[in-house]
Amino acid sequence: MTVRHMRLTVGLFFLCAGTTLLALRLFVPGAMAQLFDPTRMLLGAFLALVFAGLNLVKWYAGWLAYQEATTPVRRPLQPDSAATRDSGPNPAFDFSEPTDKPPNP
């Protein structure tokens, strides 16, 4: 497992933990107040969401860097090796003087 995958996993874990803590704080405030300090739970939820955001941003930046590194790029001013080569010159683009014309005096 690479670092990018670990960042995604940790980011998703903190996102789930933060949203769960906020949901419990908002939907079941009485039960949470009996078990835990509501202020600490709210701060913990926000801290978990901040950690989730940081890890997901780092994962996304790493994913973009990986995508850029794997994109094949041709060096500038180099001939394209995949281009097809013509077998000879195109007669429609022949700008030389015709040989059957008499020279000008």
N, C-alpha and C. Protein backbone atom coordinates (compact mmCIF):
# COMPACT_ATOMS: atom_id res chain seq x y z
N MET A 1 0.85 -1.17 0.00
CA MET A 1 0.00 0.00 0.00
C MET A 1 0.90 1.24 0.00
N THR A 2 0.65 2.13 -0.94
CA THR A 2 1.48 3.32 -1.06
C THR A 2 1.01 4.40 -0.09
N VAL A 3 1.81 5.45 -0.03
CA VAL A 3 1.49 6.57 0.86
C VAL A 3 0.20 7.24 0.40
N ARG A 4 -0.01 7.31 -0.92
CA ARG A 4 -1.24 7.92 -1.43
C ARG A 4 -2.47 7.17 -0.93
N HIS A 5 -2.41 5.85 -0.94
CA HIS A 5 -3.55 5.07 -0.48
C HIS A 5 -3.76 5.21 1.03
N MET A 6 -2.67 5.30 1.75
CA MET A 6 -2.81 5.49 3.21
C MET A 6 -3.42 6.85 3.52
N ARG A 7 -3.03 7.89 2.78
CA ARG A 7 -3.63 9.20 3.01
C ARG A 7 -5.11 9.19 2.72
N LEU A 8 -5.50 8.50 1.67
CA LEU A 8 -6.93 8.40 1.35
C LEU A 8 -7.67 7.65 2.45
N THR A 9 -7.09 6.56 2.92
CA THR A 9 -7.73 5.76 3.98
C THR A 9 -7.86 6.55 5.26
N VAL A 10 -6.79 7.22 5.67
CA VAL A 10 -6.84 8.01 6.92
C VAL A 10 -7.80 9.18 6.77
N GLY A 11 -7.79 9.82 5.60
CA GLY A 11 -8.71 10.93 5.36
C GLY A 11 -10.16 10.49 5.45
N LEU A 12 -10.48 9.35 4.85
CA LEU A 12 -11.85 8.85 4.92
C LEU A 12 -12.23 8.42 6.33
N PHE A 13 -11.28 7.85 7.06
CA PHE A 13 -11.55 7.48 8.46
C PHE A 13 -11.89 8.72 9.29
N PHE A 14 -11.07 9.77 9.19
CA PHE A 14 -11.33 10.98 9.96
C PHE A 14 -12.63 11.66 9.50
N LEU A 15 -12.93 11.57 8.23
CA LEU A 15 -14.19 12.14 7.74
C LEU A 15 -15.39 11.40 8.35
N CYS A 16 -15.32 10.09 8.39
CA CYS A 16 -16.40 9.32 9.01
C CYS A 16 -16.50 9.59 10.51
N ALA A 17 -15.35 9.65 11.17
CA ALA A 17 -15.36 9.91 12.62
C ALA A 17 -15.92 11.30 12.92
N GLY A 18 -15.50 12.29 12.18
CA GLY A 18 -15.98 13.66 12.42
C GLY A 18 -17.46 13.80 12.15
N THR A 19 -17.94 13.22 11.06
CA THR A 19 -19.38 13.33 10.77
C THR A 19 -20.21 12.53 11.77
N THR A 20 -19.69 11.40 12.24
CA THR A 20 -20.41 10.63 13.25
C THR A 20 -20.51 11.40 14.56
N LEU A 21 -19.41 12.02 14.97
CA LEU A 21 -19.45 12.80 16.21
C LEU A 21 -20.39 14.00 16.09
N LEU A 22 -20.39 14.66 14.95
CA LEU A 22 -21.31 15.79 14.76
C LEU A 22 -22.76 15.32 14.71
N ALA A 23 -23.01 14.18 14.07
CA ALA A 23 -24.37 13.66 14.01
C ALA A 23 -24.88 13.27 15.39
N LEU A 24 -24.03 12.63 16.18
CA LEU A 24 -24.44 12.30 17.56
C LEU A 24 -24.69 13.55 18.38
N ARG A 25 -23.86 14.54 18.18
CA ARG A 25 -24.01 15.81 18.94
C ARG A 25 -25.31 16.52 18.55
N LEU A 26 -25.67 16.45 17.27
CA LEU A 26 -26.86 17.18 16.81
C LEU A 26 -28.15 16.39 17.03
N PHE A 27 -28.13 15.08 16.80
CA PHE A 27 -29.37 14.30 16.85
C PHE A 27 -29.65 13.64 18.19
N VAL A 28 -28.64 13.38 18.99
CA VAL A 28 -28.83 12.75 20.30
C VAL A 28 -28.06 13.56 21.35
N PRO A 29 -28.44 14.82 21.57
CA PRO A 29 -27.63 15.63 22.49
C PRO A 29 -27.77 15.20 23.95
N GLY A 30 -28.92 14.66 24.36
CA GLY A 30 -29.11 14.26 25.76
C GLY A 30 -28.23 13.09 26.15
N ALA A 31 -28.19 12.08 25.30
CA ALA A 31 -27.38 10.90 25.60
C ALA A 31 -25.89 11.24 25.56
N MET A 32 -25.50 12.11 24.64
CA MET A 32 -24.10 12.50 24.57
C MET A 32 -23.69 13.32 25.79
N ALA A 33 -24.60 14.16 26.28
CA ALA A 33 -24.29 15.00 27.44
C ALA A 33 -24.11 14.14 28.70
N GLN A 34 -24.81 13.02 28.79
CA GLN A 34 -24.66 12.15 29.95
C GLN A 34 -23.34 11.38 29.91
N LEU A 35 -22.90 11.01 28.72
CA LEU A 35 -21.69 10.21 28.60
C LEU A 35 -20.42 11.05 28.50
N PHE A 36 -20.46 12.13 27.71
CA PHE A 36 -19.26 12.91 27.44
C PHE A 36 -19.57 14.40 27.59
N ASP A 37 -18.49 15.18 27.68
CA ASP A 37 -18.62 16.64 27.70
C ASP A 37 -18.97 17.11 26.28
N PRO A 38 -20.09 17.79 26.09
CA PRO A 38 -20.50 18.18 24.74
C PRO A 38 -19.51 19.12 24.04
N THR A 39 -18.86 19.99 24.79
CA THR A 39 -17.91 20.92 24.18
C THR A 39 -16.70 20.15 23.64
N ARG A 40 -16.22 19.20 24.40
CA ARG A 40 -15.07 18.41 23.94
C ARG A 40 -15.44 17.56 22.73
N MET A 41 -16.64 17.04 22.71
CA MET A 41 -17.07 16.25 21.56
C MET A 41 -17.16 17.11 20.31
N LEU A 42 -17.64 18.35 20.46
CA LEU A 42 -17.74 19.26 19.32
C LEU A 42 -16.35 19.64 18.81
N LEU A 43 -15.44 19.92 19.72
CA LEU A 43 -14.07 20.24 19.31
C LEU A 43 -13.39 19.03 18.66
N GLY A 44 -13.63 17.85 19.19
CA GLY A 44 -13.07 16.64 18.60
C GLY A 44 -13.61 16.39 17.20
N ALA A 45 -14.89 16.68 17.01
CA ALA A 45 -15.50 16.49 15.69
C ALA A 45 -14.89 17.46 14.69
N PHE A 46 -14.73 18.72 15.08
CA PHE A 46 -14.13 19.69 14.17
C PHE A 46 -12.66 19.36 13.88
N LEU A 47 -11.94 18.91 14.89
CA LEU A 47 -10.55 18.53 14.69
C LEU A 47 -10.45 17.33 13.74
N ALA A 48 -11.35 16.37 13.89
CA ALA A 48 -11.36 15.21 12.98
C ALA A 48 -11.66 15.65 11.55
N LEU A 49 -12.57 16.60 11.38
CA LEU A 49 -12.88 17.10 10.04
C LEU A 49 -11.70 17.86 9.43
N VAL A 50 -10.96 18.58 10.27
CA VAL A 50 -9.77 19.29 9.78
C VAL A 50 -8.71 18.28 9.33
N PHE A 51 -8.48 17.23 10.13
CA PHE A 51 -7.53 16.19 9.75
C PHE A 51 -7.98 15.48 8.47
N ALA A 52 -9.28 15.26 8.34
CA ALA A 52 -9.79 14.63 7.12
C ALA A 52 -9.51 15.52 5.92
N GLY A 53 -9.77 16.80 6.05
CA GLY A 53 -9.52 17.73 4.95
C GLY A 53 -8.05 17.77 4.56
N LEU A 54 -7.17 17.81 5.54
CA LEU A 54 -5.73 17.84 5.25
C LEU A 54 -5.28 16.58 4.52
N ASN A 55 -5.71 15.44 5.03
CA ASN A 55 -5.29 14.18 4.39
C ASN A 55 -5.87 14.03 3.00
N LEU A 56 -7.10 14.45 2.80
CA LEU A 56 -7.70 14.33 1.47
C LEU A 56 -7.06 15.31 0.49
N VAL A 57 -6.68 16.49 0.95
CA VAL A 57 -5.99 17.43 0.07
C VAL A 57 -4.61 16.90 -0.31
N LYS A 58 -3.89 16.33 0.65
CA LYS A 58 -2.59 15.73 0.35
C LYS A 58 -2.73 14.56 -0.61
N TRP A 59 -3.76 13.75 -0.41
CA TRP A 59 -4.00 12.62 -1.32
C TRP A 59 -4.28 13.13 -2.72
N TYR A 60 -5.11 14.15 -2.85
CA TYR A 60 -5.47 14.67 -4.18
C TYR A 60 -4.25 15.28 -4.87
N ALA A 61 -3.42 16.00 -4.12
CA ALA A 61 -2.20 16.57 -4.71
C ALA A 61 -1.26 15.46 -5.17
N GLY A 62 -1.14 14.41 -4.39
CA GLY A 62 -0.30 13.28 -4.79
C GLY A 62 -0.87 12.56 -5.99
N TRP A 63 -2.18 12.45 -6.08
CA TRP A 63 -2.81 11.82 -7.23
C TRP A 63 -2.57 12.63 -8.49
N LEU A 64 -2.68 13.97 -8.39
CA LEU A 64 -2.41 14.82 -9.54
C LEU A 64 -0.95 14.71 -9.99
N ALA A 65 -0.04 14.68 -9.03
CA ALA A 65 1.38 14.54 -9.37
C ALA A 65 1.65 13.19 -10.03
N TYR A 66 1.00 12.15 -9.55
CA TYR A 66 1.16 10.82 -10.15
C TYR A 66 0.62 10.81 -11.58
N GLN A 67 -0.54 11.41 -11.80
CA GLN A 67 -1.11 11.47 -13.14
C GLN A 67 -0.22 12.25 -14.10
N GLU A 68 0.36 13.33 -13.61
CA GLU A 68 1.25 14.13 -14.46
C GLU A 68 2.54 13.38 -14.78
N ALA A 69 3.03 12.63 -13.82
CA ALA A 69 4.28 11.89 -14.04
C ALA A 69 4.09 10.72 -15.01
N THR A 70 2.91 10.16 -15.05
CA THR A 70 2.68 9.02 -15.93
C THR A 70 2.19 9.42 -17.32
N THR A 71 1.96 10.71 -17.55
CA THR A 71 1.53 11.16 -18.86
C THR A 71 2.74 11.20 -19.79
N PRO A 72 2.69 10.50 -20.93
CA PRO A 72 3.82 10.53 -21.85
C PRO A 72 3.93 11.89 -22.53
N VAL A 73 5.11 12.47 -22.44
CA VAL A 73 5.34 13.79 -23.02
C VAL A 73 6.55 13.71 -23.94
N ARG A 74 6.42 14.31 -25.10
CA ARG A 74 7.52 14.36 -26.05
C ARG A 74 8.37 15.58 -25.74
N ARG A 75 9.66 15.45 -25.86
CA ARG A 75 10.53 16.60 -25.63
C ARG A 75 10.28 17.62 -26.72
N PRO A 76 10.40 18.91 -26.41
CA PRO A 76 10.13 19.93 -27.43
C PRO A 76 11.13 19.89 -28.57
N LEU A 77 10.67 20.22 -29.75
CA LEU A 77 11.46 20.30 -30.98
C LEU A 77 12.08 18.96 -31.38
N GLN A 78 11.49 17.88 -30.96
CA GLN A 78 11.95 16.56 -31.37
C GLN A 78 10.92 15.99 -32.35
N PRO A 79 11.37 15.27 -33.35
CA PRO A 79 10.41 14.69 -34.31
C PRO A 79 9.54 13.65 -33.62
N ASP A 80 8.32 13.59 -34.06
CA ASP A 80 7.38 12.63 -33.51
C ASP A 80 7.68 11.27 -34.11
N SER A 81 8.01 10.32 -33.26
CA SER A 81 8.37 8.99 -33.75
C SER A 81 7.14 8.22 -34.25
N ALA A 82 5.96 8.61 -33.82
CA ALA A 82 4.74 7.91 -34.22
C ALA A 82 4.17 8.45 -35.52
N ALA A 83 4.71 9.54 -36.03
CA ALA A 83 4.17 10.13 -37.26
C ALA A 83 4.50 9.24 -38.45
N THR A 84 3.58 9.20 -39.38
CA THR A 84 3.80 8.39 -40.57
C THR A 84 4.66 9.17 -41.55
N ARG A 85 5.56 8.47 -42.20
CA ARG A 85 6.46 9.10 -43.17
C ARG A 85 5.90 8.88 -44.58
N ASP A 86 5.95 9.94 -45.40
CA ASP A 86 5.52 9.82 -46.78
C ASP A 86 6.57 9.08 -47.58
N SER A 87 6.12 8.40 -48.64
CA SER A 87 7.07 7.65 -49.47
C SER A 87 7.86 8.57 -50.40
N GLY A 88 7.35 9.72 -50.72
CA GLY A 88 8.05 10.63 -51.61
C GLY A 88 7.41 12.01 -51.56
N PRO A 89 7.95 12.94 -52.33
CA PRO A 89 7.37 14.27 -52.32
C PRO A 89 6.01 14.29 -53.01
N ASN A 90 5.18 15.16 -52.57
CA ASN A 90 3.84 15.32 -53.13
C ASN A 90 3.94 16.18 -54.39
N PRO A 91 3.49 15.70 -55.56
CA PRO A 91 3.64 16.48 -56.79
C PRO A 91 2.78 17.75 -56.79
N ALA A 92 1.77 17.81 -55.97
CA ALA A 92 0.93 19.00 -55.93
C ALA A 92 1.70 20.18 -55.33
N PHE A 93 2.75 19.93 -54.60
CA PHE A 93 3.52 20.99 -53.98
C PHE A 93 4.88 21.18 -54.66
N ASP A 94 4.99 20.87 -55.90
CA ASP A 94 6.23 21.03 -56.64
C ASP A 94 6.28 22.46 -57.20
N PHE A 95 7.15 23.30 -56.69
CA PHE A 95 7.25 24.69 -57.10
C PHE A 95 8.47 24.96 -57.99
N SER A 96 9.10 23.92 -58.47
CA SER A 96 10.24 24.13 -59.36
C SER A 96 9.71 24.53 -60.75
N GLU A 97 10.57 25.15 -61.53
CA GLU A 97 10.17 25.59 -62.87
C GLU A 97 10.05 24.38 -63.79
N PRO A 98 9.03 24.38 -64.59
CA PRO A 98 8.88 23.25 -65.52
C PRO A 98 10.02 23.23 -66.53
N THR A 99 10.42 22.07 -66.97
CA THR A 99 11.53 21.92 -67.91
C THR A 99 11.11 22.12 -69.36
N ASP A 100 9.83 22.01 -69.69
CA ASP A 100 9.40 22.14 -71.08
C ASP A 100 9.20 23.59 -71.51
N LYS A 101 9.35 24.53 -70.64
CA LYS A 101 9.15 25.95 -70.93
C LYS A 101 10.47 26.55 -71.43
N PRO A 102 10.43 27.34 -72.53
CA PRO A 102 11.69 27.93 -73.02
C PRO A 102 12.21 28.98 -72.03
N PRO A 103 13.51 29.13 -71.93
CA PRO A 103 14.07 30.13 -71.02
C PRO A 103 13.75 31.55 -71.49
N ASN A 104 13.65 32.48 -70.61
CA ASN A 104 13.38 33.88 -70.93
C ASN A 104 14.64 34.55 -71.46
N PRO A 105 14.50 35.35 -72.60
CA PRO A 105 15.70 36.01 -73.15
C PRO A 105 16.09 37.24 -72.39
